[in-house]
Each structure stands twice: as C-alpha cells, then as structure tokens.
Amino acid sequence: MDPRDVSWETELPVYRVYFWGLPGPAAAAACDERRVSGAGDVEEVLRWAHHQAQGCAFVGYVEAGDRDDRGLLRLYGEDPSASDDGPSGVPATATG
C-alpha cells in the first residue's frame, strides 16, 4: 500500500447517521437523518448514534467528495430500504 496514491485527506470529516423505524418489516417506512460535524472520530459518532437510536436501526456514513460532487461511504449498519437483489454473504477483502 502506497500512501502517496491518495490526492486528499480531511482531518474532520462530516458524518451522516440515518435512524430507521423500529426493527421489522416497516423499518424502511420512516427515516430521521442527522448530519454530524466536529466529531473527533468515527467511534465518537457511533457512540452518539447508539445512544440516540433507542431501539431503532441506524446506518452511519461519512461524506466524501466536494460541494459539487458529494457522496456517502457506508461505515456502519445496513440500509433497510436497500434492495435485496444483491449477493449476500460475500466476504470483504483487505489488502496492504
């Protein structure tokens, strides 16, 4: 792994946490979205989210890109509104 192949980095990323309805078939019916900035790291965001969740499922993301081309990278959880059409149980791959 060559750290020089990265063109940018941010010290204080912005996170998003999507809280979904109570677990079960209706989980994807309602979503409460929060944008979290100023957090020290992802562990702080996840501690906060677990405390706020109160039994609801949640998904954690970090924002990536710039103002004109912003995207989300999923860090935690599964989106209950996502399609089940994809392969399940596919293992992750780590290199380095």
Protein backbone atom coordinates (compact mmCIF):
# COMPACT_ATOMS: atom_id res chain seq x y z
CA MET A 1 0.00 0.00 0.00
CA ASP A 2 1.48 3.32 -1.06
CA PRO A 3 0.19 6.35 0.91
CA ARG A 4 1.25 8.60 -1.98
CA ASP A 5 -1.61 7.32 -4.17
CA VAL A 6 -4.10 9.50 -2.24
CA SER A 7 -4.72 13.02 -3.52
CA TRP A 8 -6.55 14.47 -0.48
CA GLU A 9 -7.43 13.85 3.15
CA THR A 10 -9.56 15.65 5.72
CA GLU A 11 -8.92 15.85 9.46
CA LEU A 12 -12.56 16.43 10.47
CA PRO A 13 -14.89 14.59 8.12
CA VAL A 14 -18.64 15.10 8.17
CA TYR A 15 -20.77 12.09 9.01
CA ARG A 16 -24.41 11.25 8.43
CA VAL A 17 -26.50 8.95 10.56
CA TYR A 18 -29.85 7.69 9.31
CA PHE A 19 -32.14 6.38 12.06
CA TRP A 20 -34.78 3.98 10.74
CA GLY A 21 -38.10 2.99 12.30
CA LEU A 22 -38.37 0.15 14.79
CA PRO A 23 -36.88 -3.16 13.66
CA GLY A 24 -39.11 -5.31 11.47
CA PRO A 25 -40.81 -5.15 8.07
CA ALA A 26 -41.82 -1.48 8.44
CA ALA A 27 -38.25 -0.34 9.27
CA ALA A 28 -37.82 1.38 5.89
CA ALA A 29 -41.05 3.37 6.23
CA ALA A 30 -39.52 6.32 8.11
CA CYS A 31 -36.03 7.76 8.39
CA ASP A 32 -34.62 10.51 10.63
CA GLU A 33 -31.43 11.83 9.05
CA ARG A 34 -28.75 13.68 11.01
CA ARG A 35 -25.57 15.39 9.78
CA VAL A 36 -22.75 15.23 12.34
CA SER A 37 -19.76 17.57 12.14
CA GLY A 38 -16.95 18.34 14.56
CA ALA A 39 -16.69 14.77 15.87
CA GLY A 40 -13.23 13.59 16.89
CA ASP A 41 -13.55 10.28 15.05
CA VAL A 42 -15.98 7.64 13.81
CA GLU A 43 -16.05 5.93 17.23
CA GLU A 44 -17.43 9.12 18.78
CA VAL A 45 -20.15 9.27 16.12
CA LEU A 46 -21.07 5.62 16.63
CA ARG A 47 -21.25 6.03 20.43
CA TRP A 48 -23.56 9.03 19.94
CA ALA A 49 -25.69 7.13 17.41
CA HIS A 50 -26.07 4.07 19.64
CA HIS A 51 -27.20 6.36 22.47
CA GLN A 52 -29.70 8.19 20.23
CA ALA A 53 -31.06 5.08 18.49
CA GLN A 54 -33.37 3.96 21.33
CA GLY A 55 -34.03 0.58 19.72
CA CYS A 56 -34.12 1.84 16.14
CA ALA A 57 -31.79 0.55 13.45
CA PHE A 58 -29.30 3.08 12.12
CA VAL A 59 -26.77 3.40 9.33
CA GLY A 60 -23.62 5.52 9.60
CA TYR A 61 -21.92 7.18 6.64
CA VAL A 62 -19.05 9.58 6.04
CA GLU A 63 -19.42 12.27 3.37
CA ALA A 64 -16.89 12.12 0.54
CA GLY A 65 -16.16 14.38 -2.40
CA ASP A 66 -16.68 18.10 -2.71
CA ARG A 67 -19.59 20.53 -2.69
CA ASP A 68 -20.46 19.82 -6.36
CA ASP A 69 -19.94 16.06 -6.29
CA ARG A 70 -20.75 14.71 -2.83
CA GLY A 71 -21.29 11.06 -1.99
CA LEU A 72 -21.64 8.82 1.05
CA LEU A 73 -19.46 5.92 2.17
CA ARG A 74 -21.26 3.47 4.45
CA LEU A 75 -19.34 2.78 7.65
CA TYR A 76 -21.88 1.00 9.83
CA GLY A 77 -25.18 -0.82 9.56
CA GLU A 78 -27.40 -1.87 6.70
CA ASP A 79 -29.94 0.30 4.90
CA PRO A 80 -33.35 -1.37 5.33
CA SER A 81 -34.66 0.41 2.25
CA ALA A 82 -31.95 -1.12 0.01
CA SER A 83 -32.90 -3.84 -2.44
CA ASP A 84 -32.27 -7.47 -1.50
CA ASP A 85 -31.29 -8.30 -5.09
CA GLY A 86 -27.53 -8.31 -4.48
CA PRO A 87 -25.35 -11.20 -3.36
CA SER A 88 -25.39 -11.87 0.35
CA GLY A 89 -22.61 -13.24 2.48
CA VAL A 90 -19.83 -12.07 0.16
CA PRO A 91 -16.72 -11.63 2.31
CA ALA A 92 -14.79 -8.38 2.41
CA THR A 93 -11.25 -8.22 1.07
CA ALA A 94 -8.38 -6.38 2.76
CA THR A 95 -5.06 -5.66 1.11
CA GLY A 96 -1.99 -3.86 2.27
